Protein backbone atom coordinates (compact mmCIF):
# COMPACT_ATOMS: atom_id res chain seq x y z
CA MET A 1 22.93 -5.62 -18.26
CA TYR A 2 20.76 -7.22 -16.09
CA SER A 3 20.83 -10.52 -13.84
CA LYS A 4 19.54 -13.48 -15.48
CA THR A 5 19.05 -15.08 -12.17
CA PHE A 6 16.53 -12.52 -11.17
CA LYS A 7 13.25 -14.57 -10.76
CA PRO A 8 9.74 -13.38 -11.07
CA ASP A 9 8.28 -12.85 -7.40
CA VAL A 10 4.65 -13.10 -7.63
CA ASP A 11 4.17 -11.89 -4.18
CA ILE A 12 6.40 -8.61 -4.80
CA ILE A 13 4.25 -8.16 -8.05
CA LEU A 14 1.04 -8.60 -6.34
CA ARG A 15 2.17 -6.19 -3.65
CA LEU A 16 3.09 -3.44 -5.93
CA LYS A 17 -0.02 -3.91 -7.95
CA ASN A 18 -1.94 -3.33 -4.80
CA GLY A 19 0.10 -0.36 -4.16
CA ASP A 20 2.19 -1.54 -1.43
CA GLU A 21 4.94 1.07 -0.88
CA SER A 22 7.27 -1.18 0.91
CA ALA A 23 7.16 -3.61 -2.10
CA PHE A 24 8.21 -0.62 -4.28
CA ARG A 25 10.97 0.08 -2.02
CA PHE A 26 12.27 -3.43 -1.70
CA VAL A 27 12.53 -3.62 -5.63
CA TYR A 28 14.32 -0.33 -5.62
CA GLU A 29 16.93 -1.08 -3.23
CA GLN A 30 17.49 -4.43 -5.08
CA CYS A 31 17.65 -3.11 -8.67
CA TYR A 32 18.90 0.54 -8.18
CA PRO A 33 22.62 -0.30 -8.25
CA GLY A 34 22.50 -2.22 -11.41
CA LEU A 35 20.55 -0.02 -13.07
CA TYR A 36 22.81 2.86 -12.18
CA GLY A 37 25.86 1.06 -13.45
CA PHE A 38 23.92 0.45 -16.74
CA ALA A 39 22.95 4.25 -17.14
CA TYR A 40 26.37 5.49 -16.09
CA SER A 41 28.01 3.13 -18.54
CA PHE A 42 26.12 5.43 -21.24
CA LEU A 43 25.69 8.81 -19.65
CA LYS A 44 28.94 9.31 -17.79
CA GLU A 45 27.21 11.79 -15.42
CA LYS A 46 25.96 11.11 -11.99
CA GLN A 47 22.84 13.66 -12.13
CA LEU A 48 21.77 12.68 -15.38
CA CYS A 49 21.90 8.95 -14.27
CA GLU A 50 19.93 9.90 -11.24
CA GLU A 51 17.17 11.53 -13.24
CA VAL A 52 17.01 8.55 -15.55
CA LEU A 53 16.59 6.15 -12.90
CA GLN A 54 14.19 8.41 -10.98
CA GLU A 55 11.94 8.42 -14.54
CA THR A 56 12.54 4.38 -14.47
CA PHE A 57 11.12 4.08 -11.11
CA VAL A 58 8.22 6.40 -11.70
CA ALA A 59 7.29 4.44 -14.87
CA LEU A 60 7.50 1.27 -12.67
CA TRP A 61 5.00 2.84 -10.13
CA MET A 62 2.85 4.06 -12.78
CA GLN A 63 2.82 0.95 -14.84
CA LYS A 64 2.43 -1.43 -11.68
CA ASP A 65 -1.27 -2.58 -12.66
CA SER A 66 0.14 -3.92 -16.03
CA LEU A 67 2.95 -5.91 -14.53
CA ASP A 68 2.82 -9.61 -15.28
CA THR A 69 3.51 -11.96 -12.43
CA ALA A 70 5.05 -14.43 -14.70
CA LYS A 71 7.89 -12.07 -15.48
CA ALA A 72 10.69 -10.65 -13.70
CA ILE A 73 10.96 -7.14 -12.89
CA GLU A 74 14.35 -6.32 -13.53
CA PRO A 75 14.09 -6.88 -17.36
CA PHE A 76 11.27 -4.62 -17.42
CA LEU A 77 13.25 -1.76 -15.53
CA PHE A 78 16.30 -2.12 -17.85
CA THR A 79 14.13 -1.68 -20.84
CA VAL A 80 12.68 1.35 -19.32
CA CYS A 81 16.07 2.71 -18.26
CA ARG A 82 17.33 2.22 -21.78
CA ARG A 83 14.36 4.18 -23.34
CA ARG A 84 15.03 6.97 -21.10
CA ILE A 85 18.63 6.94 -22.08
CA LEU A 86 17.53 6.78 -25.73
CA ASP A 87 15.21 9.69 -25.28
CA HIS A 88 17.78 11.83 -23.41
CA PHE A 89 20.29 11.27 -26.29
CA ARG A 90 17.56 12.17 -28.87
CA LYS A 91 16.78 15.29 -26.99
CA MET A 92 20.45 16.27 -26.46
CA THR A 93 20.86 15.47 -30.44
CA SER A 94 17.81 17.76 -31.17
CA THR A 95 18.83 20.44 -28.92
CA THR A 96 22.48 20.56 -30.16
CA ALA A 97 20.99 20.72 -33.74
CA LEU A 98 18.70 23.50 -32.76
CA LYS A 99 21.33 25.37 -31.18
CA LYS A 100 23.73 24.96 -34.15
CA GLN A 101 20.94 26.22 -36.46
CA LEU A 102 19.95 28.90 -34.04
CA MET A 103 23.71 30.15 -33.96
CA SER A 104 23.97 30.04 -37.74
CA ARG A 105 20.65 32.12 -38.01
CA MET A 106 21.77 34.56 -35.36
CA SER A 107 25.21 34.73 -37.35
CA GLU A 108 23.53 35.29 -40.59
CA LEU A 109 21.26 37.90 -38.85
CA ALA A 110 24.08 39.77 -37.44
CA ASN A 111 25.85 39.92 -40.76
CA ASP A 112 22.89 40.99 -42.60
CA THR A 113 22.36 43.63 -39.93
CA GLU A 114 25.92 44.80 -39.97
CA GLU A 115 26.07 44.90 -43.76
CA ALA A 116 22.83 47.01 -43.68
CA VAL A 117 24.30 49.35 -41.31
CA LEU A 118 27.23 49.80 -43.38
CA TYR A 119 25.44 50.13 -46.39
CA HIS A 120 23.19 52.82 -44.72
CA ASP A 121 26.47 54.73 -43.51
CA ALA A 122 27.96 54.60 -46.87
CA LEU A 123 24.71 55.75 -48.55
CA GLN A 124 24.56 58.57 -45.80
CA ILE A 125 28.18 59.67 -46.71
CA THR A 126 27.43 59.53 -50.44
CA ASN A 127 24.21 61.72 -50.13
CA ALA A 128 26.03 64.17 -48.09
CA ALA A 129 28.91 64.27 -50.68
CA ILE A 130 26.25 64.70 -53.41
CA GLU A 131 24.78 67.74 -51.38
CA ARG A 132 28.15 69.37 -51.16
CA LEU A 133 28.41 69.49 -55.09
CA PRO A 134 28.06 72.90 -56.60
CA PRO A 135 24.24 73.59 -57.47
CA GLN A 136 24.77 72.90 -61.03
CA GLN A 137 26.83 69.70 -61.06
CA GLN A 138 24.29 68.40 -58.25
CA LEU A 139 21.63 69.05 -60.59
CA VAL A 140 23.09 67.49 -63.70
CA PHE A 141 24.28 64.65 -61.30
CA LYS A 142 20.86 63.89 -60.15
CA LEU A 143 19.23 63.93 -63.55
CA SER A 144 21.68 61.77 -64.97
CA ARG A 145 22.26 59.29 -62.28
CA VAL A 146 19.04 59.25 -60.09
CA GLU A 147 16.45 59.96 -63.03
CA GLY A 148 18.66 58.19 -65.72
CA LEU A 149 18.41 60.97 -68.40
CA SER A 150 20.72 61.14 -71.35
CA PHE A 151 23.13 64.06 -71.81
CA ASP A 152 20.62 65.38 -74.46
CA GLU A 153 17.48 64.77 -72.26
CA ILE A 154 19.37 67.03 -69.55
CA ALA A 155 20.74 69.58 -72.05
CA ASP A 156 16.98 69.93 -73.39
CA ARG A 157 15.40 70.10 -69.65
CA LEU A 158 18.13 72.53 -68.37
CA ASN A 159 18.24 74.62 -71.59
CA LEU A 160 22.20 74.01 -71.95
CA SER A 161 24.52 72.45 -74.58
CA ARG A 162 25.17 68.89 -74.55
CA ASN A 163 28.83 69.69 -74.01
CA THR A 164 28.19 71.84 -70.82
CA VAL A 165 26.00 68.91 -69.45
CA LYS A 166 28.85 66.59 -70.05
CA ASN A 167 31.37 68.77 -68.41
CA HIS A 168 29.15 69.46 -65.50
CA LEU A 169 28.69 65.74 -65.09
CA VAL A 170 32.52 64.96 -65.28
CA ALA A 171 33.18 67.42 -62.86
CA ALA A 172 30.68 66.25 -60.43
CA LEU A 173 32.05 62.71 -60.83
CA LYS A 174 35.46 63.81 -60.10
CA ASN A 175 34.38 65.73 -56.96
CA LEU A 176 32.36 62.63 -55.69
CA ARG A 177 35.48 60.46 -56.29
CA LEU A 178 37.72 62.30 -54.16
CA GLN A 179 35.09 62.79 -51.36
CA LEU A 180 34.25 59.13 -51.25
CA ASN A 181 37.94 58.05 -51.50
CA GLU A 182 38.37 59.97 -48.31
CA HIS A 183 36.09 57.82 -46.47
CA GLY A 184 37.69 54.62 -48.32
CA LEU A 185 34.13 54.09 -50.09
CA LEU A 186 35.72 53.54 -53.51
CA CYS A 187 32.96 50.73 -54.10
CA MET A 188 30.27 53.47 -53.59
CA TRP A 189 32.12 55.23 -56.24
CA LEU A 190 32.02 52.37 -58.60
CA LEU A 191 28.25 52.18 -58.16
CA ILE A 192 27.90 55.76 -58.93
CA ILE A 193 30.06 55.60 -62.10
CA THR A 194 28.37 52.44 -63.52
CA ARG A 195 24.68 53.61 -63.00
């Protein structure tokens, strides 16, 4: 990880605390190679390592006033670098999870949309088939399947015999089955006959 022999340099730390850029450059040149190797062993990508090290040295500069002259700078830098690496993995994990969740939701929405479009199309074909029925069959069908009236109620309303109503409905269903079957919409046919 880091060199155990790196001794605290009171002079360097005091110069850093005073904002001495040459002291910062010295620490950068001394510690960068070891930190880079450490970061690369986890990240395996040059650009990411450079970003992590940039953040690490920015943290050193930002926290220079709180440095302890009795402690070495190198362990501090490795600790900051390790935290930045962990932060990167946390972000990557949450981003990956977020991407998976988003893709899953988009897939669900696409399926929902596709199903809605297919259902809408099937409904349009079914309604067009109903509109093509002869007027009496269409009326009996709508009263039976849309309004939910019984044979007797339809017979009373249309002033027809129960048997005539039944015959019109049977003829209407047969006609619809043939039309919907042409469009491969047997499922809509099943919905119609089970109403």
